[in-house]
Amino acid sequence: MTESAVLCPECSSEHHYERDAFLVCSMCGHEWLAGSDELGNQSEDQETVIRDSVGNPLADGDTVTVVKDLKVKGSSTSIKVGTKVRNIRLVNGVGDHDIDCKVDGFGPMQLKSSVVKKA
């Protein structure tokens, strides 16, 4: 067992075990990072790195290229492979959309980092 000062963020149980880099609650089955606090928030020194489809880390202001055709809701056209998107901004968006940007011809939108490649 690990030290009993760490409580499960879901059920507040002190009974848990380690699996790889995670702690797993033996009562409810909830998993959280071992370096996070009791509420499941990551420590300030552990910053989330957003990576593109190839694995390159992305940063605000980067230029990326779309790696697959993307259908756009409400539009009869789609964003084609190879479209360059300049000056991206990394955000916690809706679902797993983590890039806020403006695509030429389509306007502002959010993209997933898994469909872009750093240019």
PDB file of N, CA and C in Angstrom:
ATOM      1  N   MET A   1       0.832  -1.188   0.000  1.00  0.00           N
ATOM      2  CA  MET A   1       0.000   0.000   0.000  1.00  0.00           C
ATOM      3  C   MET A   1       0.876   1.251   0.000  1.00  0.00           C
ATOM      4  N   THR A   2       0.327   2.323  -0.499  1.00  0.00           N
ATOM      5  CA  THR A   2       1.018   3.600  -0.453  1.00  0.00           C
ATOM      6  C   THR A   2       0.610   4.333   0.815  1.00  0.00           C
ATOM      7  N   GLU A   3       1.145   5.515   1.012  1.00  0.00           N
ATOM      8  CA  GLU A   3       0.827   6.257   2.233  1.00  0.00           C
ATOM      9  C   GLU A   3      -0.669   6.584   2.286  1.00  0.00           C
ATOM     10  N   SER A   4      -1.235   6.519   3.487  1.00  0.00           N
ATOM     11  CA  SER A   4      -2.677   6.653   3.633  1.00  0.00           C
ATOM     12  C   SER A   4      -3.162   8.097   3.585  1.00  0.00           C
ATOM     13  N   ALA A   5      -2.278   9.091   3.445  1.00  0.00           N
ATOM     14  CA  ALA A   5      -2.693  10.491   3.386  1.00  0.00           C
ATOM     15  C   ALA A   5      -3.366  10.817   2.053  1.00  0.00           C
ATOM     16  N   VAL A   6      -3.165  10.020   1.025  1.00  0.00           N
ATOM     17  CA  VAL A   6      -3.758  10.267  -0.278  1.00  0.00           C
ATOM     18  C   VAL A   6      -5.150   9.645  -0.311  1.00  0.00           C
ATOM     19  N   LEU A   7      -6.157  10.465  -0.655  1.00  0.00           N
ATOM     20  CA  LEU A   7      -7.535   9.993  -0.720  1.00  0.00           C
ATOM     21  C   LEU A   7      -8.012   9.974  -2.159  1.00  0.00           C
ATOM     22  N   CYS A   8      -8.933   9.079  -2.461  1.00  0.00           N
ATOM     23  CA  CYS A   8      -9.525   8.993  -3.796  1.00  0.00           C
ATOM     24  C   CYS A   8     -10.344  10.259  -4.064  1.00  0.00           C
ATOM     25  N   PRO A   9     -10.163  10.906  -5.236  1.00  0.00           N
ATOM     26  CA  PRO A   9     -10.933  12.105  -5.555  1.00  0.00           C
ATOM     27  C   PRO A   9     -12.420  11.822  -5.744  1.00  0.00           C
ATOM     28  N   GLU A  10     -12.802  10.591  -6.041  1.00  0.00           N
ATOM     29  CA  GLU A  10     -14.206  10.244  -6.283  1.00  0.00           C
ATOM     30  C   GLU A  10     -14.947   9.891  -4.999  1.00  0.00           C
ATOM     31  N   CYS A  11     -14.420   8.941  -4.234  1.00  0.00           N
ATOM     32  CA  CYS A  11     -15.155   8.425  -3.078  1.00  0.00           C
ATOM     33  C   CYS A  11     -14.478   8.731  -1.739  1.00  0.00           C
ATOM     34  N   SER A  12     -13.343   9.403  -1.756  1.00  0.00           N
ATOM     35  CA  SER A  12     -12.577   9.781  -0.556  1.00  0.00           C
ATOM     36  C   SER A  12     -12.077   8.592   0.253  1.00  0.00           C
ATOM     37  N   SER A  13     -11.943   7.455  -0.389  1.00  0.00           N
ATOM     38  CA  SER A  13     -11.419   6.275   0.281  1.00  0.00           C
ATOM     39  C   SER A  13      -9.897   6.380   0.362  1.00  0.00           C
ATOM     40  N   GLU A  14      -9.319   5.831   1.424  1.00  0.00           N
ATOM     41  CA  GLU A  14      -7.870   5.844   1.552  1.00  0.00           C
ATOM     42  C   GLU A  14      -7.246   4.544   1.053  1.00  0.00           C
ATOM     43  N   HIS A  15      -8.066   3.620   0.554  1.00  0.00           N
ATOM     44  CA  HIS A  15      -7.574   2.328   0.087  1.00  0.00           C
ATOM     45  C   HIS A  15      -7.331   2.399  -1.421  1.00  0.00           C
ATOM     46  N   HIS A  16      -6.054   2.353  -1.806  1.00  0.00           N
ATOM     47  CA  HIS A  16      -5.697   2.414  -3.221  1.00  0.00           C
ATOM     48  C   HIS A  16      -4.377   1.678  -3.441  1.00  0.00           C
ATOM     49  N   TYR A  17      -4.086   1.430  -4.716  1.00  0.00           N
ATOM     50  CA  TYR A  17      -2.839   0.775  -5.081  1.00  0.00           C
ATOM     51  C   TYR A  17      -2.272   1.449  -6.322  1.00  0.00           C
ATOM     52  N   GLU A  18      -1.008   1.168  -6.608  1.00  0.00           N
ATOM     53  CA  GLU A  18      -0.335   1.781  -7.751  1.00  0.00           C
ATOM     54  C   GLU A  18      -0.387   0.861  -8.958  1.00  0.00           C
ATOM     55  N   ARG A  19      -0.632   1.463 -10.130  1.00  0.00           N
ATOM     56  CA  ARG A  19      -0.541   0.755 -11.402  1.00  0.00           C
ATOM     57  C   ARG A  19       0.137   1.708 -12.379  1.00  0.00           C
ATOM     58  N   ASP A  20       1.362   1.381 -12.779  1.00  0.00           N
ATOM     59  CA  ASP A  20       2.198   2.244 -13.621  1.00  0.00           C
ATOM     60  C   ASP A  20       2.329   3.611 -12.955  1.00  0.00           C
ATOM     61  N   ALA A  21       1.929   4.691 -13.656  1.00  0.00           N
ATOM     62  CA  ALA A  21       2.044   6.040 -13.102  1.00  0.00           C
ATOM     63  C   ALA A  21       0.759   6.476 -12.411  1.00  0.00           C
ATOM     64  N   PHE A  22      -0.216   5.573 -12.294  1.00  0.00           N
ATOM     65  CA  PHE A  22      -1.517   5.927 -11.743  1.00  0.00           C
ATOM     66  C   PHE A  22      -1.736   5.306 -10.370  1.00  0.00           C
ATOM     67  N   LEU A  23      -2.624   5.927  -9.608  1.00  0.00           N
ATOM     68  CA  LEU A  23      -3.148   5.338  -8.388  1.00  0.00           C
ATOM     69  C   LEU A  23      -4.566   4.878  -8.698  1.00  0.00           C
ATOM     70  N   VAL A  24      -4.946   3.705  -8.204  1.00  0.00           N
ATOM     71  CA  VAL A  24      -6.267   3.136  -8.478  1.00  0.00           C
ATOM     72  C   VAL A  24      -6.962   2.890  -7.149  1.00  0.00           C
ATOM     73  N   CYS A  25      -8.178   3.409  -7.014  1.00  0.00           N
ATOM     74  CA  CYS A  25      -8.963   3.210  -5.804  1.00  0.00           C
ATOM     75  C   CYS A  25      -9.500   1.782  -5.799  1.00  0.00           C
ATOM     76  N   SER A  26      -9.269   1.055  -4.714  1.00  0.00           N
ATOM     77  CA  SER A  26      -9.743  -0.326  -4.641  1.00  0.00           C
ATOM     78  C   SER A  26     -11.234  -0.390  -4.311  1.00  0.00           C
ATOM     79  N   MET A  27     -11.828   0.719  -3.900  1.00  0.00           N
ATOM     80  CA  MET A  27     -13.249   0.738  -3.558  1.00  0.00           C
ATOM     81  C   MET A  27     -14.129   1.035  -4.777  1.00  0.00           C
ATOM     82  N   CYS A  28     -13.786   2.098  -5.536  1.00  0.00           N
ATOM     83  CA  CYS A  28     -14.640   2.495  -6.659  1.00  0.00           C
ATOM     84  C   CYS A  28     -13.990   2.280  -8.024  1.00  0.00           C
ATOM     85  N   GLY A  29     -12.678   2.008  -8.079  1.00  0.00           N
ATOM     86  CA  GLY A  29     -11.997   1.750  -9.349  1.00  0.00           C
ATOM     87  C   GLY A  29     -11.505   2.997 -10.067  1.00  0.00           C
ATOM     88  N   HIS A  30     -11.675   4.173  -9.471  1.00  0.00           N
ATOM     89  CA  HIS A  30     -11.243   5.421 -10.099  1.00  0.00           C
ATOM     90  C   HIS A  30      -9.715   5.456 -10.195  1.00  0.00           C
ATOM     91  N   GLU A  31      -9.195   5.966 -11.332  1.00  0.00           N
ATOM     92  CA  GLU A  31      -7.756   6.097 -11.544  1.00  0.00           C
ATOM     93  C   GLU A  31      -7.383   7.566 -11.615  1.00  0.00           C
ATOM     94  N   TRP A  32      -6.229   7.946 -11.046  1.00  0.00           N
ATOM     95  CA  TRP A  32      -5.714   9.296 -11.156  1.00  0.00           C
ATOM     96  C   TRP A  32      -4.198   9.250 -11.116  1.00  0.00           C
ATOM     97  N   LEU A  33      -3.559  10.318 -11.604  1.00  0.00           N
ATOM     98  CA  LEU A  33      -2.108  10.370 -11.665  1.00  0.00           C
ATOM     99  C   LEU A  33      -1.521  10.410 -10.271  1.00  0.00           C
ATOM    100  N   ALA A  34      -0.425   9.705 -10.081  1.00  0.00           N
ATOM    101  CA  ALA A  34       0.210   9.637  -8.772  1.00  0.00           C
ATOM    102  C   ALA A  34       0.747  10.995  -8.337  1.00  0.00           C
ATOM    103  N   GLY A  35       1.100  11.875  -9.252  1.00  0.00           N
ATOM    104  CA  GLY A  35       1.638  13.186  -8.914  1.00  0.00           C
ATOM    105  C   GLY A  35       0.581  14.250  -8.739  1.00  0.00           C
ATOM    106  N   SER A  36      -0.697  13.879  -8.742  1.00  0.00           N
ATOM    107  CA  SER A  36      -1.752  14.874  -8.607  1.00  0.00           C
ATOM    108  C   SER A  36      -2.173  15.009  -7.154  1.00  0.00           C
ATOM    109  N   ASP A  37      -2.868  16.114  -6.854  1.00  0.00           N
ATOM    110  CA  ASP A  37      -3.310  16.322  -5.480  1.00  0.00           C
ATOM    111  C   ASP A  37      -4.579  15.532  -5.190  1.00  0.00           C
ATOM    112  N   GLU A  38      -5.157  15.715  -4.015  1.00  0.00           N
ATOM    113  CA  GLU A  38      -6.314  14.920  -3.607  1.00  0.00           C
ATOM    114  C   GLU A  38      -7.538  15.165  -4.466  1.00  0.00           C
ATOM    115  N   LEU A  39      -7.640  16.332  -5.114  1.00  0.00           N
ATOM    116  CA  LEU A  39      -8.789  16.621  -5.956  1.00  0.00           C
ATOM    117  C   LEU A  39      -8.586  16.171  -7.391  1.00  0.00           C
ATOM    118  N   GLY A  40      -7.452  15.551  -7.685  1.00  0.00           N
ATOM    119  CA  GLY A  40      -7.191  15.063  -9.029  1.00  0.00           C
ATOM    120  C   GLY A  40      -6.516  16.083  -9.925  1.00  0.00           C
ATOM    121  N   ASN A  41      -6.216  17.268  -9.390  1.00  0.00           N
ATOM    122  CA  ASN A  41      -5.541  18.288 -10.175  1.00  0.00           C
ATOM    123  C   ASN A  41      -4.056  17.994 -10.214  1.00  0.00           C
ATOM    124  N   GLN A  42      -3.460  18.194 -11.387  1.00  0.00           N
ATOM    125  CA  GLN A  42      -2.031  17.960 -11.498  1.00  0.00           C
ATOM    126  C   GLN A  42      -1.275  19.041 -10.755  1.00  0.00           C
ATOM    127  N   SER A  43      -0.123  18.689 -10.259  1.00  0.00           N
ATOM    128  CA  SER A  43       0.729  19.663  -9.591  1.00  0.00           C
ATOM    129  C   SER A  43       1.168  20.714 -10.593  1.00  0.00           C
ATOM    130  N   GLU A  44       1.545  21.899 -10.093  1.00  0.00           N
ATOM    131  CA  GLU A  44       1.922  22.990 -10.983  1.00  0.00           C
ATOM    132  C   GLU A  44       3.150  22.678 -11.811  1.00  0.00           C
ATOM    133  N   ASP A  45       4.051  21.816 -11.298  1.00  0.00           N
ATOM    134  CA  ASP A  45       5.258  21.501 -12.039  1.00  0.00           C
ATOM    135  C   ASP A  45       5.003  20.499 -13.168  1.00  0.00           C
ATOM    136  N   GLN A  46       3.840  19.839 -13.173  1.00  0.00           N
ATOM    137  CA  GLN A  46       3.497  18.899 -14.235  1.00  0.00           C
ATOM    138  C   GLN A  46       2.532  19.578 -15.195  1.00  0.00           C
ATOM    139  N   GLU A  47       3.059  20.123 -16.296  1.00  0.00           N
ATOM    140  CA  GLU A  47       2.236  20.818 -17.256  1.00  0.00           C
ATOM    141  C   GLU A  47       1.870  19.860 -18.388  1.00  0.00           C
ATOM    142  N   THR A  48       0.634  19.908 -18.837  1.00  0.00           N
ATOM    143  CA  THR A  48       0.183  19.047 -19.910  1.00  0.00           C
ATOM    144  C   THR A  48       0.776  19.527 -21.230  1.00  0.00           C
ATOM    145  N   VAL A  49       1.390  18.624 -21.972  1.00  0.00           N
ATOM    146  CA  VAL A  49       1.980  18.953 -23.260  1.00  0.00           C
ATOM    147  C   VAL A  49       1.048  18.440 -24.344  1.00  0.00           C
ATOM    148  N   ILE A  50       0.612  19.329 -25.228  1.00  0.00           N
ATOM    149  CA  ILE A  50      -0.250  18.944 -26.343  1.00  0.00           C
ATOM    150  C   ILE A  50       0.649  18.631 -27.528  1.00  0.00           C
ATOM    151  N   ARG A  51       0.430  17.462 -28.126  1.00  0.00           N
ATOM    152  CA  ARG A  51       1.261  17.007 -29.244  1.00  0.00           C
ATOM    153  C   ARG A  51       0.423  16.839 -30.497  1.00  0.00           C
ATOM    154  N   ASP A  52       1.085  17.007 -31.668  1.00  0.00           N
ATOM    155  CA  ASP A  52       0.383  16.829 -32.935  1.00  0.00           C
ATOM    156  C   ASP A  52       0.287  15.349 -33.284  1.00  0.00           C
ATOM    157  N   SER A  53      -0.198  15.037 -34.482  1.00  0.00           N
ATOM    158  CA  SER A  53      -0.417  13.646 -34.880  1.00  0.00           C
ATOM    159  C   SER A  53       0.877  12.853 -35.000  1.00  0.00           C
ATOM    160  N   VAL A  54       2.004  13.526 -35.163  1.00  0.00           N
ATOM    161  CA  VAL A  54       3.291  12.859 -35.296  1.00  0.00           C
ATOM    162  C   VAL A  54       4.011  12.742 -33.962  1.00  0.00           C
ATOM    163  N   GLY A  55       3.614  13.574 -32.991  1.00  0.00           N
ATOM    164  CA  GLY A  55       4.231  13.530 -31.673  1.00  0.00           C
ATOM    165  C   GLY A  55       5.048  14.761 -31.332  1.00  0.00           C
ATOM    166  N   ASN A  56       5.066  15.756 -32.209  1.00  0.00           N
ATOM    167  CA  ASN A  56       5.791  16.995 -31.935  1.00  0.00           C
ATOM    168  C   ASN A  56       4.996  17.847 -30.952  1.00  0.00           C
ATOM    169  N   PRO A  57       5.649  18.452 -29.959  1.00  0.00           N
ATOM    170  CA  PRO A  57       4.918  19.319 -29.030  1.00  0.00           C
ATOM    171  C   PRO A  57       4.479  20.604 -29.720  1.00  0.00           C
ATOM    172  N   LEU A  58       3.271  21.056 -29.420  1.00  0.00           N
ATOM    173  CA  LEU A  58       2.727  22.280 -30.008  1.00  0.00           C
ATOM    174  C   LEU A  58       2.781  23.409 -28.981  1.00  0.00           C
ATOM    175  N   ALA A  59       2.843  24.651 -29.486  1.00  0.00           N
ATOM    176  CA  ALA A  59       2.860  25.834 -28.624  1.00  0.00           C
ATOM    177  C   ALA A  59       1.988  26.914 -29.259  1.00  0.00           C
ATOM    178  N   ASP A  60       1.581  27.896 -28.462  1.00  0.00           N
ATOM    179  CA  ASP A  60       0.800  29.018 -28.986  1.00  0.00           C
ATOM    180  C   ASP A  60       1.594  29.730 -30.073  1.00  0.00           C
ATOM    181  N   GLY A  61       0.903  30.087 -31.165  1.00  0.00           N
ATOM    182  CA  GLY A  61       1.536  30.817 -32.254  1.00  0.00           C
ATOM    183  C   GLY A  61       2.143  29.944 -33.335  1.00  0.00           C
ATOM    184  N   ASP A  62       2.122  28.627 -33.163  1.00  0.00           N
ATOM    185  CA  ASP A  62       2.675  27.717 -34.174  1.00  0.00           C
ATOM    186  C   ASP A  62       1.815  27.715 -35.437  1.00  0.00           C
ATOM    187  N   THR A  63       2.417  27.244 -36.519  1.00  0.00           N
ATOM    188  CA  THR A  63       1.702  27.002 -37.760  1.00  0.00           C
ATOM    189  C   THR A  63       1.602  25.496 -37.944  1.00  0.00           C
ATOM    190  N   VAL A  64       0.403  25.010 -38.248  1.00  0.00           N
ATOM    191  CA  VAL A  64       0.184  23.575 -38.420  1.00  0.00           C
ATOM    192  C   VAL A  64      -0.454  23.310 -39.772  1.00  0.00           C
ATOM    193  N   THR A  65      -0.363  22.058 -40.222  1.00  0.00           N
ATOM    194  CA  THR A  65      -0.953  21.610 -41.471  1.00  0.00           C
ATOM    195  C   THR A  65      -1.958  20.508 -41.174  1.00  0.00           C
ATOM    196  N   VAL A  66      -3.120  20.566 -41.791  1.00  0.00           N
ATOM    197  CA  VAL A  66      -4.162  19.550 -41.599  1.00  0.00           C
ATOM    198  C   VAL A  66      -3.740  18.275 -42.332  1.00  0.00           C
ATOM    199  N   VAL A  67      -3.848  17.107 -41.661  1.00  0.00           N
ATOM    200  CA  VAL A  67      -3.364  15.857 -42.247  1.00  0.00           C
ATOM    201  C   VAL A  67      -4.469  14.977 -42.816  1.00  0.00           C
ATOM    202  N   LYS A  68      -5.753  15.368 -42.657  1.00  0.00           N
ATOM    203  CA  LYS A  68      -6.841  14.614 -43.278  1.00  0.00           C
ATOM    204  C   LYS A  68      -8.003  15.554 -43.551  1.00  0.00           C
ATOM    205  N   ASP A  69      -8.840  15.184 -44.525  1.00  0.00           N
ATOM    206  CA  ASP A  69     -10.007  16.003 -44.851  1.00  0.00           C
ATOM    207  C   ASP A  69     -10.930  16.089 -43.644  1.00  0.00           C
ATOM    208  N   LEU A  70     -11.406  17.303 -43.354  1.00  0.00           N
ATOM    209  CA  LEU A  70     -12.285  17.522 -42.210  1.00  0.00           C
ATOM    210  C   LEU A  70     -13.616  18.085 -42.683  1.00  0.00           C
ATOM    211  N   LYS A  71     -14.696  17.390 -42.382  1.00  0.00           N
ATOM    212  CA  LYS A  71     -16.023  17.897 -42.711  1.00  0.00           C
ATOM    213  C   LYS A  71     -16.358  19.003 -41.718  1.00  0.00           C
ATOM    214  N   VAL A  72     -16.982  20.078 -42.232  1.00  0.00           N
ATOM    215  CA  VAL A  72     -17.350  21.213 -41.390  1.00  0.00           C
ATOM    216  C   VAL A  72     -18.867  21.270 -41.316  1.00  0.00           C
ATOM    217  N   LYS A  73     -19.392  21.272 -40.086  1.00  0.00           N
ATOM    218  CA  LYS A  73     -20.841  21.340 -39.892  1.00  0.00           C
ATOM    219  C   LYS A  73     -21.385  22.623 -40.483  1.00  0.00           C
ATOM    220  N   GLY A  74     -22.483  22.528 -41.219  1.00  0.00           N
ATOM    221  CA  GLY A  74     -23.128  23.701 -41.784  1.00  0.00           C
ATOM    222  C   GLY A  74     -22.500  24.192 -43.070  1.00  0.00           C
ATOM    223  N   SER A  75     -21.542  23.466 -43.597  1.00  0.00           N
ATOM    224  CA  SER A  75     -20.886  23.868 -44.835  1.00  0.00           C
ATOM    225  C   SER A  75     -20.865  22.687 -45.802  1.00  0.00           C
ATOM    226  N   SER A  76     -21.009  22.993 -47.085  1.00  0.00           N
ATOM    227  CA  SER A  76     -20.985  21.917 -48.084  1.00  0.00           C
ATOM    228  C   SER A  76     -19.565  21.539 -48.479  1.00  0.00           C
ATOM    229  N   THR A  77     -18.591  22.354 -48.099  1.00  0.00           N
ATOM    230  CA  THR A  77     -17.193  22.051 -48.402  1.00  0.00           C
ATOM    231  C   THR A  77     -16.485  21.548 -47.158  1.00  0.00           C
ATOM    232  N   SER A  78     -15.300  21.001 -47.343  1.00  0.00           N
ATOM    233  CA  SER A  78     -14.526  20.500 -46.213  1.00  0.00           C
ATOM    234  C   SER A  78     -13.126  21.115 -46.233  1.00  0.00           C
ATOM    235  N   ILE A  79     -12.466  21.035 -45.103  1.00  0.00           N
ATOM    236  CA  ILE A  79     -11.076  21.498 -45.019  1.00  0.00           C
ATOM    237  C   ILE A  79     -10.210  20.397 -45.606  1.00  0.00           C
ATOM    238  N   LYS A  80      -9.450  20.703 -46.621  1.00  0.00           N
ATOM    239  CA  LYS A  80      -8.677  19.705 -47.361  1.00  0.00           C
ATOM    240  C   LYS A  80      -7.332  19.416 -46.697  1.00  0.00           C
ATOM    241  N   VAL A  81      -6.785  18.256 -47.016  1.00  0.00           N
ATOM    242  CA  VAL A  81      -5.455  17.870 -46.543  1.00  0.00           C
ATOM    243  C   VAL A  81      -4.444  18.897 -47.036  1.00  0.00           C
ATOM    244  N   GLY A  82      -3.530  19.298 -46.176  1.00  0.00           N
ATOM    245  CA  GLY A  82      -2.486  20.240 -46.559  1.00  0.00           C
ATOM    246  C   GLY A  82      -2.820  21.693 -46.274  1.00  0.00           C
ATOM    247  N   THR A  83      -4.029  21.973 -45.789  1.00  0.00           N
ATOM    248  CA  THR A  83      -4.397  23.347 -45.459  1.00  0.00           C
ATOM    249  C   THR A  83      -3.552  23.826 -44.284  1.00  0.00           C
ATOM    250  N   LYS A  84      -2.907  24.981 -44.460  1.00  0.00           N
ATOM    251  CA  LYS A  84      -2.076  25.539 -43.382  1.00  0.00           C
ATOM    252  C   LYS A  84      -2.933  26.416 -42.486  1.00  0.00           C
ATOM    253  N   VAL A  85      -2.742  26.244 -41.191  1.00  0.00           N
ATOM    254  CA  VAL A  85      -3.431  27.055 -40.192  1.00  0.00           C
ATOM    255  C   VAL A  85      -2.347  27.775 -39.400  1.00  0.00           C
ATOM    256  N   ARG A  86      -2.385  29.094 -39.428  1.00  0.00           N
ATOM    257  CA  ARG A  86      -1.346  29.899 -38.786  1.00  0.00           C
ATOM    258  C   ARG A  86      -1.819  30.437 -37.440  1.00  0.00           C
ATOM    259  N   ASN A  87      -0.860  30.676 -36.569  1.00  0.00           N
ATOM    260  CA  ASN A  87      -1.093  31.349 -35.298  1.00  0.00           C
ATOM    261  C   ASN A  87      -2.155  30.634 -34.448  1.00  0.00           C
ATOM    262  N   ILE A  88      -1.906  29.371 -34.127  1.00  0.00           N
ATOM    263  CA  ILE A  88      -2.851  28.608 -33.321  1.00  0.00           C
ATOM    264  C   ILE A  88      -2.750  29.021 -31.856  1.00  0.00           C
ATOM    265  N   ARG A  89      -3.798  28.702 -31.097  1.00  0.00           N
ATOM    266  CA  ARG A  89      -3.814  28.952 -29.657  1.00  0.00           C
ATOM    267  C   ARG A  89      -4.277  27.671 -28.984  1.00  0.00           C
ATOM    268  N   LEU A  90      -3.536  27.199 -27.982  1.00  0.00           N
ATOM    269  CA  LEU A  90      -3.874  25.968 -27.281  1.00  0.00           C
ATOM    270  C   LEU A  90      -4.848  26.285 -26.150  1.00  0.00           C
ATOM    271  N   VAL A  91      -5.957  25.527 -26.097  1.00  0.00           N
ATOM    272  CA  VAL A  91      -7.009  25.766 -25.106  1.00  0.00           C
ATOM    273  C   VAL A  91      -7.558  24.436 -24.615  1.00  0.00           C
ATOM    274  N   ASN A  92      -8.337  24.488 -23.546  1.00  0.00           N
ATOM    275  CA  ASN A  92      -9.139  23.347 -23.124  1.00  0.00           C
ATOM    276  C   ASN A  92     -10.509  23.548 -23.746  1.00  0.00           C
ATOM    277  N   GLY A  93     -10.726  22.966 -24.903  1.00  0.00           N
ATOM    278  CA  GLY A  93     -11.952  23.191 -25.645  1.00  0.00           C
ATOM    279  C   GLY A  93     -13.028  22.183 -25.321  1.00  0.00           C
ATOM    280  N   VAL A  94     -14.026  22.139 -26.179  1.00  0.00           N
ATOM    281  CA  VAL A  94     -15.132  21.209 -26.028  1.00  0.00           C
ATOM    282  C   VAL A  94     -14.645  19.812 -26.374  1.00  0.00           C
ATOM    283  N   GLY A  95     -14.865  18.854 -25.481  1.00  0.00           N
ATOM    284  CA  GLY A  95     -14.404  17.493 -25.735  1.00  0.00           C
ATOM    285  C   GLY A  95     -12.890  17.447 -25.795  1.00  0.00           C
ATOM    286  N   ASP A  96     -12.370  16.870 -26.862  1.00  0.00           N
ATOM    287  CA  ASP A  96     -10.919  16.783 -27.002  1.00  0.00           C
ATOM    288  C   ASP A  96     -10.377  17.762 -28.047  1.00  0.00           C
ATOM    289  N   HIS A  97     -11.134  18.810 -28.363  1.00  0.00           N
ATOM    290  CA  HIS A  97     -10.661  19.865 -29.251  1.00  0.00           C
ATOM    291  C   HIS A  97      -9.772  20.786 -28.431  1.00  0.00           C
ATOM    292  N   ASP A  98      -8.487  20.845 -28.771  1.00  0.00           N
ATOM    293  CA  ASP A  98      -7.562  21.604 -27.948  1.00  0.00           C
ATOM    294  C   ASP A  98      -6.802  22.690 -28.699  1.00  0.00           C
ATOM    295  N   ILE A  99      -7.203  22.987 -29.944  1.00  0.00           N
ATOM    296  CA  ILE A  99      -6.573  24.055 -30.723  1.00  0.00           C
ATOM    297  C   ILE A  99      -7.654  25.039 -31.148  1.00  0.00           C
ATOM    298  N   ASP A 100      -7.451  26.309 -30.842  1.00  0.00           N
ATOM    299  CA  ASP A 100      -8.351  27.373 -31.256  1.00  0.00           C
ATOM    300  C   ASP A 100      -7.647  28.124 -32.377  1.00  0.00           C
ATOM    301  N   CYS A 101      -8.319  28.322 -33.527  1.00  0.00           N
ATOM    302  CA  CYS A 101      -7.641  28.921 -34.670  1.00  0.00           C
ATOM    303  C   CYS A 101      -8.654  29.527 -35.637  1.00  0.00           C
ATOM    304  N   LYS A 102      -8.121  30.188 -36.660  1.00  0.00           N
ATOM    305  CA  LYS A 102      -8.925  30.678 -37.771  1.00  0.00           C
ATOM    306  C   LYS A 102      -8.429  29.973 -39.030  1.00  0.00           C
ATOM    307  N   VAL A 103      -9.329  29.314 -39.732  1.00  0.00           N
ATOM    308  CA  VAL A 103      -8.984  28.625 -40.968  1.00  0.00           C
ATOM    309  C   VAL A 103      -9.445  29.502 -42.122  1.00  0.00           C
ATOM    310  N   ASP A 104      -8.539  29.805 -43.046  1.00  0.00           N
ATOM    311  CA  ASP A 104      -8.883  30.646 -44.196  1.00  0.00           C
ATOM    312  C   ASP A 104     -10.049  30.029 -44.965  1.00  0.00           C
ATOM    313  N   GLY A 105     -11.073  30.841 -45.219  1.00  0.00           N
ATOM    314  CA  GLY A 105     -12.243  30.386 -45.957  1.00  0.00           C
ATOM    315  C   GLY A 105     -13.323  29.772 -45.080  1.00  0.00           C
ATOM    316  N   PHE A 106     -13.029  29.514 -43.802  1.00  0.00           N
ATOM    317  CA  PHE A 106     -14.008  28.902 -42.904  1.00  0.00           C
ATOM    318  C   PHE A 106     -14.245  29.723 -41.653  1.00  0.00           C
ATOM    319  N   GLY A 107     -13.264  30.503 -41.209  1.00  0.00           N
ATOM    320  CA  GLY A 107     -13.417  31.329 -40.027  1.00  0.00           C
ATOM    321  C   GLY A 107     -12.887  30.659 -38.777  1.00  0.00           C
ATOM    322  N   PRO A 108     -13.268  31.193 -37.611  1.00  0.00           N
ATOM    323  CA  PRO A 108     -12.760  30.653 -36.345  1.00  0.00           C
ATOM    324  C   PRO A 108     -13.374  29.297 -36.017  1.00  0.00           C
ATOM    325  N   MET A 109     -12.561  28.390 -35.484  1.00  0.00           N
ATOM    326  CA  MET A 109     -13.038  27.062 -35.082  1.00  0.00           C
ATOM    327  C   MET A 109     -12.025  26.405 -34.172  1.00  0.00           C
ATOM    328  N   GLN A 110     -12.414  25.270 -33.616  1.00  0.00           N
ATOM    329  CA  GLN A 110     -11.521  24.478 -32.784  1.00  0.00           C
ATOM    330  C   GLN A 110     -11.203  23.180 -33.511  1.00  0.00           C
ATOM    331  N   LEU A 111      -9.941  22.755 -33.396  1.00  0.00           N
ATOM    332  CA  LEU A 111      -9.478  21.516 -34.028  1.00  0.00           C
ATOM    333  C   LEU A 111      -8.893  20.588 -32.984  1.00  0.00           C
ATOM    334  N   LYS A 112      -8.816  19.320 -33.324  1.00  0.00           N
ATOM    335  CA  LYS A 112      -8.143  18.350 -32.475  1.00  0.00           C
ATOM    336  C   LYS A 112      -6.676  18.310 -32.873  1.00  0.00           C
ATOM    337  N   SER A 113      -5.817  18.132 -31.892  1.00  0.00           N
ATOM    338  CA  SER A 113      -4.389  18.082 -32.194  1.00  0.00           C
ATOM    339  C   SER A 113      -4.023  16.808 -32.957  1.00  0.00           C
ATOM    340  N   SER A 114      -4.902  15.802 -32.947  1.00  0.00           N
ATOM    341  CA  SER A 114      -4.623  14.548 -33.641  1.00  0.00           C
ATOM    342  C   SER A 114      -4.824  14.634 -35.147  1.00  0.00           C
ATOM    343  N   VAL A 115      -5.368  15.746 -35.660  1.00  0.00           N
ATOM    344  CA  VAL A 115      -5.586  15.876 -37.099  1.00  0.00           C
ATOM    345  C   VAL A 115      -4.679  16.931 -37.720  1.00  0.00           C
ATOM    346  N   VAL A 116      -3.681  17.408 -36.972  1.00  0.00           N
ATOM    347  CA  VAL A 116      -2.749  18.401 -37.508  1.00  0.00           C
ATOM    348  C   VAL A 116      -1.315  17.951 -37.326  1.00  0.00           C
ATOM    349  N   LYS A 117      -0.439  18.554 -38.129  1.00  0.00           N
ATOM    350  CA  LYS A 117       0.995  18.279 -38.033  1.00  0.00           C
ATOM    351  C   LYS A 117       1.708  19.617 -38.014  1.00  0.00           C
ATOM    352  N   LYS A 118       2.708  19.740 -37.147  1.00  0.00           N
ATOM    353  CA  LYS A 118       3.451  20.997 -37.056  1.00  0.00           C
ATOM    354  C   LYS A 118       4.163  21.269 -38.364  1.00  0.00           C
ATOM    355  N   ALA A 119       4.028  22.495 -38.864  1.00  0.00           N
ATOM    356  CA  ALA A 119       4.635  22.842 -40.160  1.00  0.00           C
ATOM    357  C   ALA A 119       6.048  23.363 -39.982  1.00  0.00           C
TER     358      ALA A 119
END
